[in-house]
Every structure is written in structure tokens, then in C-alpha cells.
Amino acid sequence: MIASELGTESPRLTLPVWPVWLAGALCELVCVPLRVEPPLYRRRVEFFTKSRAFDASRAGRELGFSPHVELEEGIHRTAVWYREQGLL
């Protein structure tokens, strides 16, 4: 949906996680004893592998919450704001 809103193609490249995670572990192994900030570490890799999707159904059940803006409209508004800020 985001790529469509921005008028671009969705990324097609996918990499297996294990080599990147291993590279992060090796960076930590080498950099930490030298007191150098690793350019890549395992926690950063895990950030990109975990789902960041949110579900408002519990908020609806327990608090009576219902979103006023649908996902597509929210993506559109966000893209407009980023363009206005010169970030896209």
C-alpha cells in the first residue's frame, strides 16, 4: 500500500536472515572488545524480522475504540506530510 501511494514498486529483494544475523554476531564479537560501536548487531537484525503490525481489536473490545481514519487514508496523509516536510 505504501509503495502504491508513493508511486513506486514494492521492494523485491529478500535475504535469508541467518547470514545477516551471523554477520551481526561477528561484528559484536570483534567490535565490543575493542570498544568500537558495531555497525551491525543482532538486535538490529531482529528489529527488521519482527512484525510491526498492530491490531486495534482489543482496544475496540475493552475501550470501545474505533479508528476514525482507515489505513489507506492514514498512509496517504503520512505521505503528504513527509512530502510537505521535504523528506520524500
PDB file of N, CA and C in Angstrom:
ATOM      1  N   MET A   1       0.824  -1.186   0.000  1.00  0.00           N
ATOM      2  CA  MET A   1       0.000   0.000   0.000  1.00  0.00           C
ATOM      3  C   MET A   1       0.879   1.265   0.000  1.00  0.00           C
ATOM      4  N   ILE A   2       1.957   1.209   0.745  1.00  0.00           N
ATOM      5  CA  ILE A   2       2.845   2.374   0.816  1.00  0.00           C
ATOM      6  C   ILE A   2       3.513   2.612  -0.533  1.00  0.00           C
ATOM      7  N   ALA A   3       4.019   1.554  -1.163  1.00  0.00           N
ATOM      8  CA  ALA A   3       4.658   1.706  -2.468  1.00  0.00           C
ATOM      9  C   ALA A   3       3.665   2.263  -3.483  1.00  0.00           C
ATOM     10  N   SER A   4       2.451   1.785  -3.454  1.00  0.00           N
ATOM     11  CA  SER A   4       1.422   2.274  -4.359  1.00  0.00           C
ATOM     12  C   SER A   4       1.160   3.761  -4.129  1.00  0.00           C
ATOM     13  N   GLU A   5       1.045   4.161  -2.879  1.00  0.00           N
ATOM     14  CA  GLU A   5       0.822   5.576  -2.546  1.00  0.00           C
ATOM     15  C   GLU A   5       1.969   6.450  -3.037  1.00  0.00           C
ATOM     16  N   LEU A   6       3.178   5.939  -2.960  1.00  0.00           N
ATOM     17  CA  LEU A   6       4.357   6.710  -3.367  1.00  0.00           C
ATOM     18  C   LEU A   6       4.646   6.596  -4.855  1.00  0.00           C
ATOM     19  N   GLY A   7       3.859   5.770  -5.563  1.00  0.00           N
ATOM     20  CA  GLY A   7       4.049   5.614  -6.997  1.00  0.00           C
ATOM     21  C   GLY A   7       5.324   4.886  -7.352  1.00  0.00           C
ATOM     22  N   THR A   8       5.670   3.908  -6.569  1.00  0.00           N
ATOM     23  CA  THR A   8       6.905   3.159  -6.805  1.00  0.00           C
ATOM     24  C   THR A   8       6.630   1.660  -6.684  1.00  0.00           C
ATOM     25  N   GLU A   9       7.601   0.870  -7.047  1.00  0.00           N
ATOM     26  CA  GLU A   9       7.480  -0.589  -6.947  1.00  0.00           C
ATOM     27  C   GLU A   9       7.792  -1.045  -5.522  1.00  0.00           C
ATOM     28  N   SER A  10       7.149  -2.096  -5.104  1.00  0.00           N
ATOM     29  CA  SER A  10       7.488  -2.704  -3.817  1.00  0.00           C
ATOM     30  C   SER A  10       8.863  -3.351  -3.915  1.00  0.00           C
ATOM     31  N   PRO A  11       9.651  -3.320  -2.851  1.00  0.00           N
ATOM     32  CA  PRO A  11      10.960  -3.986  -2.885  1.00  0.00           C
ATOM     33  C   PRO A  11      10.794  -5.473  -3.177  1.00  0.00           C
ATOM     34  N   ARG A  12      11.632  -5.991  -4.028  1.00  0.00           N
ATOM     35  CA  ARG A  12      11.543  -7.410  -4.409  1.00  0.00           C
ATOM     36  C   ARG A  12      12.650  -8.251  -3.769  1.00  0.00           C
ATOM     37  N   LEU A  13      13.739  -7.616  -3.378  1.00  0.00           N
ATOM     38  CA  LEU A  13      14.872  -8.342  -2.837  1.00  0.00           C
ATOM     39  C   LEU A  13      14.577  -8.823  -1.422  1.00  0.00           C
ATOM     40  N   THR A  14      14.761 -10.090  -1.201  1.00  0.00           N
ATOM     41  CA  THR A  14      14.668 -10.636   0.154  1.00  0.00           C
ATOM     42  C   THR A  14      15.927 -11.439   0.428  1.00  0.00           C
ATOM     43  N   LEU A  15      16.405 -11.329   1.633  1.00  0.00           N
ATOM     44  CA  LEU A  15      17.608 -12.048   2.040  1.00  0.00           C
ATOM     45  C   LEU A  15      17.260 -13.004   3.168  1.00  0.00           C
ATOM     46  N   PRO A  16      17.921 -14.152   3.213  1.00  0.00           N
ATOM     47  CA  PRO A  16      17.716 -15.004   4.384  1.00  0.00           C
ATOM     48  C   PRO A  16      18.287 -14.303   5.615  1.00  0.00           C
ATOM     49  N   VAL A  17      17.641 -14.485   6.735  1.00  0.00           N
ATOM     50  CA  VAL A  17      18.027 -13.770   7.950  1.00  0.00           C
ATOM     51  C   VAL A  17      19.335 -14.298   8.531  1.00  0.00           C
ATOM     52  N   TRP A  18      19.555 -15.596   8.492  1.00  0.00           N
ATOM     53  CA  TRP A  18      20.679 -16.171   9.229  1.00  0.00           C
ATOM     54  C   TRP A  18      22.034 -15.601   8.842  1.00  0.00           C
ATOM     55  N   PRO A  19      22.362 -15.317   7.554  1.00  0.00           N
ATOM     56  CA  PRO A  19      23.692 -14.756   7.283  1.00  0.00           C
ATOM     57  C   PRO A  19      23.850 -13.339   7.838  1.00  0.00           C
ATOM     58  N   VAL A  20      22.769 -12.558   7.808  1.00  0.00           N
ATOM     59  CA  VAL A  20      22.835 -11.198   8.325  1.00  0.00           C
ATOM     60  C   VAL A  20      22.973 -11.232   9.847  1.00  0.00           C
ATOM     61  N   TRP A  21      22.213 -12.125  10.486  1.00  0.00           N
ATOM     62  CA  TRP A  21      22.300 -12.269  11.945  1.00  0.00           C
ATOM     63  C   TRP A  21      23.709 -12.726  12.339  1.00  0.00           C
ATOM     64  N   LEU A  22      24.262 -13.651  11.588  1.00  0.00           N
ATOM     65  CA  LEU A  22      25.620 -14.133  11.849  1.00  0.00           C
ATOM     66  C   LEU A  22      26.635 -13.003  11.671  1.00  0.00           C
ATOM     67  N   ALA A  23      26.452 -12.190  10.652  1.00  0.00           N
ATOM     68  CA  ALA A  23      27.343 -11.039  10.454  1.00  0.00           C
ATOM     69  C   ALA A  23      27.243 -10.080  11.638  1.00  0.00           C
ATOM     70  N   GLY A  24      26.027  -9.883  12.159  1.00  0.00           N
ATOM     71  CA  GLY A  24      25.849  -9.039  13.344  1.00  0.00           C
ATOM     72  C   GLY A  24      26.576  -9.613  14.545  1.00  0.00           C
ATOM     73  N   ALA A  25      26.465 -10.921  14.735  1.00  0.00           N
ATOM     74  CA  ALA A  25      27.154 -11.572  15.853  1.00  0.00           C
ATOM     75  C   ALA A  25      28.669 -11.424  15.719  1.00  0.00           C
ATOM     76  N   LEU A  26      29.184 -11.580  14.506  1.00  0.00           N
ATOM     77  CA  LEU A  26      30.620 -11.431  14.286  1.00  0.00           C
ATOM     78  C   LEU A  26      31.073  -9.988  14.526  1.00  0.00           C
ATOM     79  N   CYS A  27      30.249  -9.030  14.091  1.00  0.00           N
ATOM     80  CA  CYS A  27      30.587  -7.621  14.348  1.00  0.00           C
ATOM     81  C   CYS A  27      30.676  -7.368  15.847  1.00  0.00           C
ATOM     82  N   GLU A  28      29.715  -7.900  16.592  1.00  0.00           N
ATOM     83  CA  GLU A  28      29.739  -7.733  18.049  1.00  0.00           C
ATOM     84  C   GLU A  28      30.993  -8.381  18.637  1.00  0.00           C
ATOM     85  N   LEU A  29      31.298  -9.584  18.187  1.00  0.00           N
ATOM     86  CA  LEU A  29      32.443 -10.330  18.706  1.00  0.00           C
ATOM     87  C   LEU A  29      33.753  -9.572  18.502  1.00  0.00           C
ATOM     88  N   VAL A  30      33.880  -8.915  17.360  1.00  0.00           N
ATOM     89  CA  VAL A  30      35.112  -8.191  17.050  1.00  0.00           C
ATOM     90  C   VAL A  30      35.110  -6.785  17.663  1.00  0.00           C
ATOM     91  N   CYS A  31      34.005  -6.076  17.537  1.00  0.00           N
ATOM     92  CA  CYS A  31      33.964  -4.661  17.921  1.00  0.00           C
ATOM     93  C   CYS A  31      33.865  -4.419  19.426  1.00  0.00           C
ATOM     94  N   VAL A  32      33.075  -5.211  20.125  1.00  0.00           N
ATOM     95  CA  VAL A  32      32.846  -4.948  21.550  1.00  0.00           C
ATOM     96  C   VAL A  32      34.140  -4.990  22.360  1.00  0.00           C
ATOM     97  N   PRO A  33      34.993  -6.010  22.195  1.00  0.00           N
ATOM     98  CA  PRO A  33      36.250  -5.991  22.966  1.00  0.00           C
ATOM     99  C   PRO A  33      37.152  -4.803  22.630  1.00  0.00           C
ATOM    100  N   LEU A  34      37.010  -4.265  21.426  1.00  0.00           N
ATOM    101  CA  LEU A  34      37.810  -3.120  21.011  1.00  0.00           C
ATOM    102  C   LEU A  34      37.149  -1.791  21.389  1.00  0.00           C
ATOM    103  N   ARG A  35      36.001  -1.880  22.036  1.00  0.00           N
ATOM    104  CA  ARG A  35      35.220  -0.698  22.448  1.00  0.00           C
ATOM    105  C   ARG A  35      34.848   0.177  21.256  1.00  0.00           C
ATOM    106  N   VAL A  36      34.471  -0.498  20.180  1.00  0.00           N
ATOM    107  CA  VAL A  36      34.008   0.165  18.964  1.00  0.00           C
ATOM    108  C   VAL A  36      32.537  -0.179  18.794  1.00  0.00           C
ATOM    109  N   GLU A  37      31.728   0.820  18.458  1.00  0.00           N
ATOM    110  CA  GLU A  37      30.304   0.578  18.220  1.00  0.00           C
ATOM    111  C   GLU A  37      30.149  -0.290  16.973  1.00  0.00           C
ATOM    112  N   PRO A  38      29.545  -1.472  17.097  1.00  0.00           N
ATOM    113  CA  PRO A  38      29.386  -2.341  15.921  1.00  0.00           C
ATOM    114  C   PRO A  38      28.471  -1.684  14.884  1.00  0.00           C
ATOM    115  N   PRO A  39      28.822  -1.744  13.606  1.00  0.00           N
ATOM    116  CA  PRO A  39      27.938  -1.188  12.575  1.00  0.00           C
ATOM    117  C   PRO A  39      26.671  -2.023  12.402  1.00  0.00           C
ATOM    118  N   LEU A  40      26.745  -3.273  12.806  1.00  0.00           N
ATOM    119  CA  LEU A  40      25.603  -4.180  12.714  1.00  0.00           C
ATOM    120  C   LEU A  40      25.646  -5.082  13.939  1.00  0.00           C
ATOM    121  N   TYR A  41      24.513  -5.271  14.570  1.00  0.00           N
ATOM    122  CA  TYR A  41      24.461  -6.194  15.688  1.00  0.00           C
ATOM    123  C   TYR A  41      23.143  -6.949  15.663  1.00  0.00           C
ATOM    124  N   ARG A  42      23.089  -8.058  16.399  1.00  0.00           N
ATOM    125  CA  ARG A  42      21.958  -8.971  16.329  1.00  0.00           C
ATOM    126  C   ARG A  42      20.627  -8.298  16.651  1.00  0.00           C
ATOM    127  N   ARG A  43      20.606  -7.409  17.617  1.00  0.00           N
ATOM    128  CA  ARG A  43      19.359  -6.747  17.997  1.00  0.00           C
ATOM    129  C   ARG A  43      18.800  -5.921  16.837  1.00  0.00           C
ATOM    130  N   ARG A  44      19.675  -5.291  16.074  1.00  0.00           N
ATOM    131  CA  ARG A  44      19.227  -4.505  14.916  1.00  0.00           C
ATOM    132  C   ARG A  44      18.619  -5.422  13.857  1.00  0.00           C
ATOM    133  N   VAL A  45      19.205  -6.586  13.649  1.00  0.00           N
ATOM    134  CA  VAL A  45      18.658  -7.545  12.686  1.00  0.00           C
ATOM    135  C   VAL A  45      17.281  -7.996  13.144  1.00  0.00           C
ATOM    136  N   GLU A  46      17.128  -8.279  14.433  1.00  0.00           N
ATOM    137  CA  GLU A  46      15.845  -8.738  14.955  1.00  0.00           C
ATOM    138  C   GLU A  46      14.759  -7.672  14.794  1.00  0.00           C
ATOM    139  N   PHE A  47      15.124  -6.401  14.856  1.00  0.00           N
ATOM    140  CA  PHE A  47      14.157  -5.332  14.650  1.00  0.00           C
ATOM    141  C   PHE A  47      13.467  -5.477  13.304  1.00  0.00           C
ATOM    142  N   PHE A  48      14.220  -5.854  12.277  1.00  0.00           N
ATOM    143  CA  PHE A  48      13.661  -5.964  10.932  1.00  0.00           C
ATOM    144  C   PHE A  48      12.942  -7.285  10.679  1.00  0.00           C
ATOM    145  N   THR A  49      13.081  -8.258  11.551  1.00  0.00           N
ATOM    146  CA  THR A  49      12.443  -9.547  11.329  1.00  0.00           C
ATOM    147  C   THR A  49      11.135  -9.707  12.098  1.00  0.00           C
ATOM    148  N   LYS A  50      10.873  -8.836  13.058  1.00  0.00           N
ATOM    149  CA  LYS A  50       9.644  -8.951  13.853  1.00  0.00           C
ATOM    150  C   LYS A  50       8.525  -8.150  13.214  1.00  0.00           C
ATOM    151  N   SER A  51       7.328  -8.672  13.330  1.00  0.00           N
ATOM    152  CA  SER A  51       6.169  -7.981  12.778  1.00  0.00           C
ATOM    153  C   SER A  51       5.898  -6.701  13.571  1.00  0.00           C
ATOM    154  N   ARG A  52       5.630  -5.641  12.859  1.00  0.00           N
ATOM    155  CA  ARG A  52       5.286  -4.358  13.486  1.00  0.00           C
ATOM    156  C   ARG A  52       3.811  -4.021  13.241  1.00  0.00           C
ATOM    157  N   ALA A  53       3.031  -5.017  12.842  1.00  0.00           N
ATOM    158  CA  ALA A  53       1.615  -4.802  12.580  1.00  0.00           C
ATOM    159  C   ALA A  53       0.861  -4.670  13.904  1.00  0.00           C
ATOM    160  N   PHE A  54      -0.066  -3.741  13.935  1.00  0.00           N
ATOM    161  CA  PHE A  54      -0.871  -3.526  15.127  1.00  0.00           C
ATOM    162  C   PHE A  54      -2.307  -3.925  14.854  1.00  0.00           C
ATOM    163  N   ASP A  55      -2.977  -4.380  15.884  1.00  0.00           N
ATOM    164  CA  ASP A  55      -4.368  -4.794  15.791  1.00  0.00           C
ATOM    165  C   ASP A  55      -5.144  -4.040  16.864  1.00  0.00           C
ATOM    166  N   ALA A  56      -6.127  -3.264  16.439  1.00  0.00           N
ATOM    167  CA  ALA A  56      -6.888  -2.438  17.378  1.00  0.00           C
ATOM    168  C   ALA A  56      -8.113  -3.154  17.934  1.00  0.00           C
ATOM    169  N   SER A  57      -8.270  -4.454  17.644  1.00  0.00           N
ATOM    170  CA  SER A  57      -9.489  -5.143  18.076  1.00  0.00           C
ATOM    171  C   SER A  57      -9.625  -5.187  19.599  1.00  0.00           C
ATOM    172  N   ARG A  58      -8.536  -5.379  20.311  1.00  0.00           N
ATOM    173  CA  ARG A  58      -8.620  -5.399  21.779  1.00  0.00           C
ATOM    174  C   ARG A  58      -9.030  -4.024  22.321  1.00  0.00           C
ATOM    175  N   ALA A  59      -8.459  -2.967  21.751  1.00  0.00           N
ATOM    176  CA  ALA A  59      -8.844  -1.614  22.165  1.00  0.00           C
ATOM    177  C   ALA A  59     -10.325  -1.380  21.878  1.00  0.00           C
ATOM    178  N   GLY A  60     -10.818  -1.956  20.798  1.00  0.00           N
ATOM    179  CA  GLY A  60     -12.239  -1.841  20.483  1.00  0.00           C
ATOM    180  C   GLY A  60     -13.099  -2.571  21.490  1.00  0.00           C
ATOM    181  N   ARG A  61     -12.699  -3.788  21.841  1.00  0.00           N
ATOM    182  CA  ARG A  61     -13.470  -4.593  22.799  1.00  0.00           C
ATOM    183  C   ARG A  61     -13.457  -3.977  24.190  1.00  0.00           C
ATOM    184  N   GLU A  62     -12.274  -3.616  24.663  1.00  0.00           N
ATOM    185  CA  GLU A  62     -12.144  -3.186  26.053  1.00  0.00           C
ATOM    186  C   GLU A  62     -12.407  -1.701  26.281  1.00  0.00           C
ATOM    187  N   LEU A  63     -12.153  -0.886  25.275  1.00  0.00           N
ATOM    188  CA  LEU A  63     -12.274   0.557  25.461  1.00  0.00           C
ATOM    189  C   LEU A  63     -13.317   1.215  24.562  1.00  0.00           C
ATOM    190  N   GLY A  64     -13.878   0.412  23.646  1.00  0.00           N
ATOM    191  CA  GLY A  64     -14.844   0.977  22.713  1.00  0.00           C
ATOM    192  C   GLY A  64     -14.203   1.821  21.626  1.00  0.00           C
ATOM    193  N   PHE A  65     -12.911   1.641  21.404  1.00  0.00           N
ATOM    194  CA  PHE A  65     -12.179   2.423  20.409  1.00  0.00           C
ATOM    195  C   PHE A  65     -12.553   1.986  19.009  1.00  0.00           C
ATOM    196  N   SER A  66     -12.757   2.944  18.141  1.00  0.00           N
ATOM    197  CA  SER A  66     -12.879   2.645  16.709  1.00  0.00           C
ATOM    198  C   SER A  66     -12.091   3.723  15.967  1.00  0.00           C
ATOM    199  N   PRO A  67     -11.226   3.308  15.064  1.00  0.00           N
ATOM    200  CA  PRO A  67     -10.393   4.278  14.367  1.00  0.00           C
ATOM    201  C   PRO A  67     -11.233   5.195  13.484  1.00  0.00           C
ATOM    202  N   HIS A  68     -10.854   6.451  13.440  1.00  0.00           N
ATOM    203  CA  HIS A  68     -11.557   7.425  12.604  1.00  0.00           C
ATOM    204  C   HIS A  68     -10.938   7.529  11.220  1.00  0.00           C
ATOM    205  N   VAL A  69      -9.733   7.009  11.077  1.00  0.00           N
ATOM    206  CA  VAL A  69      -9.023   7.076   9.797  1.00  0.00           C
ATOM    207  C   VAL A  69      -8.677   5.651   9.384  1.00  0.00           C
ATOM    208  N   GLU A  70      -9.086   5.277   8.183  1.00  0.00           N
ATOM    209  CA  GLU A  70      -8.753   3.952   7.657  1.00  0.00           C
ATOM    210  C   GLU A  70      -7.269   3.915   7.276  1.00  0.00           C
ATOM    211  N   LEU A  71      -6.721   2.722   7.173  1.00  0.00           N
ATOM    212  CA  LEU A  71      -5.294   2.549   6.901  1.00  0.00           C
ATOM    213  C   LEU A  71      -4.858   3.262   5.629  1.00  0.00           C
ATOM    214  N   GLU A  72      -5.590   3.077   4.532  1.00  0.00           N
ATOM    215  CA  GLU A  72      -5.197   3.720   3.271  1.00  0.00           C
ATOM    216  C   GLU A  72      -5.148   5.241   3.410  1.00  0.00           C
ATOM    217  N   GLU A  73      -6.143   5.827   4.062  1.00  0.00           N
ATOM    218  CA  GLU A  73      -6.168   7.272   4.256  1.00  0.00           C
ATOM    219  C   GLU A  73      -5.019   7.713   5.154  1.00  0.00           C
ATOM    220  N   GLY A  74      -4.710   6.931   6.188  1.00  0.00           N
ATOM    221  CA  GLY A  74      -3.588   7.256   7.070  1.00  0.00           C
ATOM    222  C   GLY A  74      -2.262   7.239   6.334  1.00  0.00           C
ATOM    223  N   ILE A  75      -2.089   6.251   5.452  1.00  0.00           N
ATOM    224  CA  ILE A  75      -0.863   6.183   4.646  1.00  0.00           C
ATOM    225  C   ILE A  75      -0.791   7.400   3.725  1.00  0.00           C
ATOM    226  N   HIS A  76      -1.907   7.751   3.117  1.00  0.00           N
ATOM    227  CA  HIS A  76      -1.933   8.925   2.239  1.00  0.00           C
ATOM    228  C   HIS A  76      -1.561  10.188   3.009  1.00  0.00           C
ATOM    229  N   ARG A  77      -2.185  10.411   4.163  1.00  0.00           N
ATOM    230  CA  ARG A  77      -1.891  11.605   4.961  1.00  0.00           C
ATOM    231  C   ARG A  77      -0.425  11.645   5.387  1.00  0.00           C
ATOM    232  N   THR A  78       0.104  10.487   5.744  1.00  0.00           N
ATOM    233  CA  THR A  78       1.502  10.417   6.166  1.00  0.00           C
ATOM    234  C   THR A  78       2.427  10.774   5.009  1.00  0.00           C
ATOM    235  N   ALA A  79       2.145  10.230   3.814  1.00  0.00           N
ATOM    236  CA  ALA A  79       2.971  10.531   2.640  1.00  0.00           C
ATOM    237  C   ALA A  79       2.905  12.013   2.305  1.00  0.00           C
ATOM    238  N   VAL A  80       1.710  12.606   2.394  1.00  0.00           N
ATOM    239  CA  VAL A  80       1.571  14.043   2.133  1.00  0.00           C
ATOM    240  C   VAL A  80       2.429  14.831   3.118  1.00  0.00           C
ATOM    241  N   TRP A  81       2.363  14.471   4.397  1.00  0.00           N
ATOM    242  CA  TRP A  81       3.150  15.185   5.409  1.00  0.00           C
ATOM    243  C   TRP A  81       4.647  15.063   5.130  1.00  0.00           C
ATOM    244  N   TYR A  82       5.109  13.858   4.823  1.00  0.00           N
ATOM    245  CA  TYR A  82       6.530  13.668   4.514  1.00  0.00           C
ATOM    246  C   TYR A  82       6.942  14.503   3.307  1.00  0.00           C
ATOM    247  N   ARG A  83       6.088  14.577   2.290  1.00  0.00           N
ATOM    248  CA  ARG A  83       6.414  15.416   1.123  1.00  0.00           C
ATOM    249  C   ARG A  83       6.483  16.884   1.503  1.00  0.00           C
ATOM    250  N   GLU A  84       5.512  17.339   2.302  1.00  0.00           N
ATOM    251  CA  GLU A  84       5.493  18.741   2.732  1.00  0.00           C
ATOM    252  C   GLU A  84       6.747  19.095   3.544  1.00  0.00           C
ATOM    253  N   GLN A  85       7.273  18.140   4.281  1.00  0.00           N
ATOM    254  CA  GLN A  85       8.461  18.359   5.089  1.00  0.00           C
ATOM    255  C   GLN A  85       9.753  18.227   4.285  1.00  0.00           C
ATOM    256  N   GLY A  86       9.615  17.849   3.021  1.00  0.00           N
ATOM    257  CA  GLY A  86      10.795  17.668   2.176  1.00  0.00           C
ATOM    258  C   GLY A  86      11.548  16.388   2.481  1.00  0.00           C
ATOM    259  N   LEU A  87      10.864  15.433   3.089  1.00  0.00           N
ATOM    260  CA  LEU A  87      11.525  14.175   3.454  1.00  0.00           C
ATOM    261  C   LEU A  87      11.339  13.092   2.393  1.00  0.00           C
ATOM    262  N   LEU A  88      10.523  13.355   1.399  1.00  0.00           N
ATOM    263  CA  LEU A  88      10.350  12.424   0.281  1.00  0.00           C
ATOM    264  C   LEU A  88      10.626  13.147  -1.025  1.00  0.00           C
TER     265      LEU A  88
END
